[in-house]
Amino acid sequence: MQEMMHQDKKYIYGVTNMTEIDKEVCNLITAVKSSKTYLEYAKWRDILKQDDELRAKVDEYRKELFALQHETGDPSIKYRIEEFADRYSEFLENRVVSSFLDAENNLCYMMQELTEKVVSSLDFE
């Protein structure tokens, strides 16, 4: 079994020929963490972490938004989305909140694009 160390984290693979892939994964991780998108996310994440109450409210907002986005077949969903938007409109005016959520969304989009590029380049059915 092959082992690889990356920033105090151990990755173990049941394949013996992963050394080159392991190196490239480390390079990709370094590139992502060095990107403007990730650095902006980390900056606002760290600022948000300084305020436990605000962080809890952001987590509550994200949890509720996720639930709304994944509901199906509820005829009242349009009303509930409008009510949600009204309830959180002032909250989203907070610069830390809006900047963190924007940065998080940008990082998620970047990671989705990266994953799509890798998967679509393979003949993986």
Protein backbone atom coordinates (compact mmCIF):
# COMPACT_ATOMS: atom_id res chain seq x y z
CA MET A 1 0.00 0.00 0.00
CA GLN A 2 1.35 3.40 -1.02
CA GLU A 3 1.27 6.40 1.31
CA MET A 4 1.63 10.07 0.54
CA MET A 5 2.02 13.00 2.90
CA HIS A 6 0.59 16.43 2.12
CA GLN A 7 0.52 19.15 4.76
CA ASP A 8 0.21 16.77 7.71
CA LYS A 9 -2.50 14.68 6.03
CA LYS A 10 -1.88 11.12 5.01
CA TYR A 11 -3.45 9.71 1.85
CA ILE A 12 -3.36 5.94 1.47
CA TYR A 13 -4.08 4.16 -1.79
CA GLY A 14 -4.49 0.45 -2.46
CA VAL A 15 -2.68 0.91 -5.77
CA THR A 16 1.09 0.74 -6.13
CA ASN A 17 1.52 2.96 -9.22
CA MET A 18 -0.02 6.16 -7.85
CA THR A 19 3.21 8.05 -7.12
CA GLU A 20 2.97 10.33 -10.17
CA ILE A 21 -0.76 10.93 -9.63
CA ASP A 22 -0.11 11.67 -5.94
CA LYS A 23 2.45 14.31 -6.91
CA GLU A 24 0.06 15.91 -9.38
CA VAL A 25 -2.77 15.88 -6.81
CA CYS A 26 -0.47 17.73 -4.41
CA ASN A 27 0.35 20.20 -7.19
CA LEU A 28 -3.36 20.69 -7.88
CA ILE A 29 -4.09 21.25 -4.19
CA THR A 30 -1.28 23.80 -4.03
CA ALA A 31 -2.59 25.53 -7.15
CA VAL A 32 -6.13 25.69 -5.79
CA LYS A 33 -4.96 27.02 -2.42
CA SER A 34 -2.81 29.62 -4.20
CA SER A 35 -5.62 30.79 -6.48
CA LYS A 36 -7.19 34.21 -6.05
CA THR A 37 -10.58 32.48 -5.65
CA TYR A 38 -9.43 30.30 -2.76
CA LEU A 39 -7.46 33.08 -1.06
CA GLU A 40 -10.51 35.35 -1.17
CA TYR A 41 -12.64 32.56 0.32
CA ALA A 42 -10.08 31.85 3.07
CA LYS A 43 -9.86 35.56 3.91
CA TRP A 44 -13.62 35.92 4.43
CA ARG A 45 -13.90 32.52 6.13
CA ASP A 46 -11.30 33.58 8.68
CA ILE A 47 -13.01 36.93 9.26
CA LEU A 48 -16.35 35.19 9.73
CA LYS A 49 -14.82 32.69 12.18
CA GLN A 50 -14.03 35.59 14.52
CA ASP A 51 -17.74 36.10 15.22
CA ASP A 52 -19.38 32.90 16.49
CA GLU A 53 -22.87 34.38 16.49
CA LEU A 54 -22.61 35.66 12.92
CA ARG A 55 -21.09 32.34 11.79
CA ALA A 56 -24.03 30.48 13.34
CA LYS A 57 -26.47 32.74 11.48
CA VAL A 58 -24.61 32.16 8.20
CA ASP A 59 -24.75 28.40 8.80
CA GLU A 60 -28.48 28.63 9.51
CA TYR A 61 -29.01 30.65 6.31
CA ARG A 62 -27.01 28.14 4.23
CA LYS A 63 -28.85 25.17 5.71
CA GLU A 64 -32.25 26.72 5.03
CA LEU A 65 -31.27 27.79 1.52
CA PHE A 66 -30.00 24.30 0.73
CA ALA A 67 -33.28 22.76 1.93
CA LEU A 68 -35.32 25.18 -0.19
CA GLN A 69 -33.20 24.51 -3.28
CA HIS A 70 -33.73 20.76 -2.96
CA GLU A 71 -37.46 20.69 -2.36
CA THR A 72 -39.65 19.22 -5.04
CA GLY A 73 -43.37 19.09 -5.55
CA ASP A 74 -44.26 21.67 -2.91
CA PRO A 75 -46.87 24.06 -4.35
CA SER A 76 -46.00 26.71 -1.74
CA ILE A 77 -42.30 26.78 -2.66
CA LYS A 78 -42.54 30.09 -4.55
CA TYR A 79 -44.10 31.78 -1.51
CA ARG A 80 -41.56 30.19 0.82
CA ILE A 81 -38.64 31.39 -1.33
CA GLU A 82 -40.03 34.93 -1.35
CA GLU A 83 -40.49 34.80 2.43
CA PHE A 84 -36.95 33.47 2.84
CA ALA A 85 -35.54 36.27 0.67
CA ASP A 86 -37.48 38.90 2.63
CA ARG A 87 -36.42 37.47 5.97
CA TYR A 88 -32.72 37.43 5.08
CA SER A 89 -32.49 40.60 2.93
CA GLU A 90 -31.11 42.79 5.72
CA PHE A 91 -28.80 40.00 6.91
CA LEU A 92 -27.30 39.73 3.41
CA GLU A 93 -26.45 43.44 3.46
CA ASN A 94 -23.78 42.70 6.06
CA ARG A 95 -20.46 43.03 4.20
CA VAL A 96 -18.85 40.06 5.93
CA VAL A 97 -21.84 37.82 5.23
CA SER A 98 -22.24 38.80 1.59
CA SER A 99 -18.50 38.70 0.90
CA PHE A 100 -18.13 35.27 2.52
CA LEU A 101 -21.12 33.83 0.66
CA ASP A 102 -19.92 35.26 -2.67
CA ALA A 103 -16.41 33.90 -2.11
CA GLU A 104 -17.76 30.51 -1.08
CA ASN A 105 -19.98 30.38 -4.16
CA ASN A 106 -17.05 31.31 -6.41
CA LEU A 107 -14.90 28.57 -4.86
CA CYS A 108 -17.69 26.01 -5.31
CA TYR A 109 -18.08 27.04 -8.95
CA MET A 110 -14.32 26.77 -9.52
CA MET A 111 -14.25 23.29 -7.98
CA GLN A 112 -17.25 22.19 -10.06
CA GLU A 113 -15.51 23.38 -13.22
CA LEU A 114 -12.29 21.64 -12.24
CA THR A 115 -14.10 18.38 -11.48
CA GLU A 116 -16.06 18.60 -14.74
CA LYS A 117 -12.84 19.11 -16.72
CA VAL A 118 -11.21 16.07 -15.16
CA VAL A 119 -14.23 13.79 -15.51
CA SER A 120 -15.11 14.91 -19.03
CA SER A 121 -11.54 14.36 -20.23
CA LEU A 122 -11.68 10.69 -19.25
CA ASP A 123 -13.43 7.93 -21.19
CA PHE A 124 -15.29 7.07 -18.00
CA GLU A 125 -18.75 5.67 -18.58
